Amino acid sequence: MKKIAIPLANGQLCMHFGHCQQFALVEADAKTGTIINRQDLIPPPHEPGVLPAWLAEQKVELVIAGGMGGRARQLFESAGIEVVVGATSGTPEELVAAYLAGGLVCGQNVCDH
């Protein structure tokens, strides 16, 4: 099982990680590419270092984001959480399925800090 976090705005990938309304936490079987469970959670208020610590408490192993600042990426990596940035818009199910199939299309990190 792999637990994947995706920042959301209006049910789609939020292009700026720190400004999301919710996080979809998706549990997936990496071997079969099957999504087992999805839970949407409201994150704590955004302040430096809060979201990486909170997602680590949720046992997240991977974050798929459109854009993320360098400091947040460092905090995730130091917590052993993989980060994929530059993902294009989509639902959590679409993004996770593409990631598990090895076909997640990523461009540039849309965050400039």
Protein backbone atom coordinates (compact mmCIF):
# COMPACT_ATOMS: atom_id res chain seq x y z
CA MET A 1 0.00 0.00 0.00
CA LYS A 2 1.15 3.50 -0.80
CA LYS A 3 -0.42 6.62 0.71
CA ILE A 4 -0.42 9.58 -1.66
CA ALA A 5 -1.38 13.18 -0.87
CA ILE A 6 -2.74 15.56 -3.49
CA PRO A 7 -3.55 19.21 -2.72
CA LEU A 8 -7.02 20.13 -3.95
CA ALA A 9 -9.03 23.17 -5.00
CA ASN A 10 -12.57 22.52 -6.21
CA GLY A 11 -11.93 18.77 -6.47
CA GLN A 12 -8.94 19.14 -8.81
CA LEU A 13 -5.19 19.38 -8.27
CA CYS A 14 -4.42 22.76 -6.72
CA MET A 15 -1.53 24.18 -8.69
CA HIS A 16 0.01 25.88 -5.64
CA PHE A 17 0.59 23.42 -2.82
CA GLY A 18 0.37 25.87 0.10
CA HIS A 19 -2.92 27.43 -1.02
CA CYS A 20 -5.06 24.31 -1.27
CA GLN A 21 -8.50 23.96 0.31
CA GLN A 22 -8.15 20.24 1.05
CA PHE A 23 -5.85 17.28 0.62
CA ALA A 24 -6.97 14.04 -0.95
CA LEU A 25 -5.20 11.17 0.80
CA VAL A 26 -5.32 8.23 -1.56
CA GLU A 27 -4.32 4.72 -0.55
CA ALA A 28 -3.30 2.61 -3.51
CA ASP A 29 -1.91 -0.84 -4.17
CA ALA A 30 1.24 -0.03 -6.11
CA LYS A 31 1.57 -3.59 -7.40
CA THR A 32 -1.88 -3.74 -9.01
CA GLY A 33 -2.35 -0.01 -9.64
CA THR A 34 -5.64 -0.14 -7.76
CA ILE A 35 -6.98 2.72 -5.66
CA ILE A 36 -8.21 1.29 -2.36
CA ASN A 37 -9.41 4.35 -0.47
CA ARG A 38 -9.68 8.13 -0.69
CA GLN A 39 -10.11 10.52 2.22
CA ASP A 40 -10.34 14.30 1.83
CA LEU A 41 -9.02 16.30 4.79
CA ILE A 42 -8.91 20.00 5.57
CA PRO A 43 -5.30 20.91 6.40
CA PRO A 44 -4.18 23.08 9.29
CA PRO A 45 -3.54 26.76 8.47
CA HIS A 46 -0.63 27.22 6.09
CA GLU A 47 2.54 28.35 7.82
CA PRO A 48 6.13 27.37 7.04
CA GLY A 49 6.78 23.74 7.95
CA VAL A 50 3.24 22.91 9.09
CA LEU A 51 1.96 20.98 6.07
CA PRO A 52 4.98 18.66 5.69
CA ALA A 53 4.79 17.74 9.39
CA TRP A 54 1.01 17.25 9.24
CA LEU A 55 1.20 15.02 6.15
CA ALA A 56 3.99 12.99 7.76
CA GLU A 57 1.65 12.44 10.75
CA GLN A 58 -0.94 11.15 8.25
CA LYS A 59 1.63 8.53 7.10
CA VAL A 60 1.86 9.97 3.57
CA GLU A 61 4.63 8.48 1.42
CA LEU A 62 4.24 10.59 -1.73
CA VAL A 63 2.97 14.07 -2.59
CA ILE A 64 1.86 14.91 -6.12
CA ALA A 65 1.79 18.68 -6.64
CA GLY A 66 1.62 21.26 -9.38
CA GLY A 67 4.00 23.60 -7.63
CA MET A 68 5.88 23.67 -4.34
CA GLY A 69 8.53 25.86 -2.79
CA GLY A 70 12.04 24.58 -2.24
CA ARG A 71 11.85 24.68 1.55
CA ALA A 72 8.70 22.53 1.62
CA ARG A 73 10.35 20.02 -0.73
CA GLN A 74 13.37 19.82 1.60
CA LEU A 75 11.12 19.24 4.61
CA PHE A 76 9.24 16.45 2.84
CA GLU A 77 12.44 14.80 1.67
CA SER A 78 13.96 14.97 5.17
CA ALA A 79 10.80 13.22 6.44
CA GLY A 80 11.23 10.45 3.84
CA ILE A 81 8.28 11.61 1.73
CA GLU A 82 8.74 11.55 -2.04
CA VAL A 83 7.64 14.68 -3.91
CA VAL A 84 6.55 14.93 -7.55
CA VAL A 85 6.04 18.49 -8.82
CA GLY A 86 4.88 19.89 -12.13
CA ALA A 87 1.79 17.69 -12.36
CA THR A 88 -0.99 19.01 -14.55
CA SER A 89 -4.59 19.44 -13.46
CA GLY A 90 -6.76 16.41 -12.82
CA THR A 91 -8.70 14.55 -10.19
CA PRO A 92 -6.85 12.63 -7.49
CA GLU A 93 -7.93 9.34 -9.07
CA GLU A 94 -6.61 10.38 -12.50
CA LEU A 95 -3.29 11.57 -11.09
CA VAL A 96 -2.72 8.51 -8.91
CA ALA A 97 -3.67 6.11 -11.71
CA ALA A 98 -1.26 7.87 -14.09
CA TYR A 99 1.53 7.83 -11.47
CA LEU A 100 1.06 4.13 -10.72
CA ALA A 101 1.04 3.32 -14.45
CA GLY A 102 4.27 5.27 -14.93
CA GLY A 103 2.57 7.83 -17.15
CA LEU A 104 2.12 10.89 -14.96
CA VAL A 105 2.94 13.89 -17.13
CA CYS A 106 4.88 16.57 -15.27
CA GLY A 107 6.11 19.92 -16.47
CA GLN A 108 7.82 22.73 -14.62
CA ASN A 109 7.33 23.48 -10.95
CA VAL A 110 4.70 26.25 -11.05
CA CYS A 111 5.87 27.68 -7.73
CA ASP A 112 8.38 30.50 -7.81
CA HIS A 113 9.61 30.42 -4.20
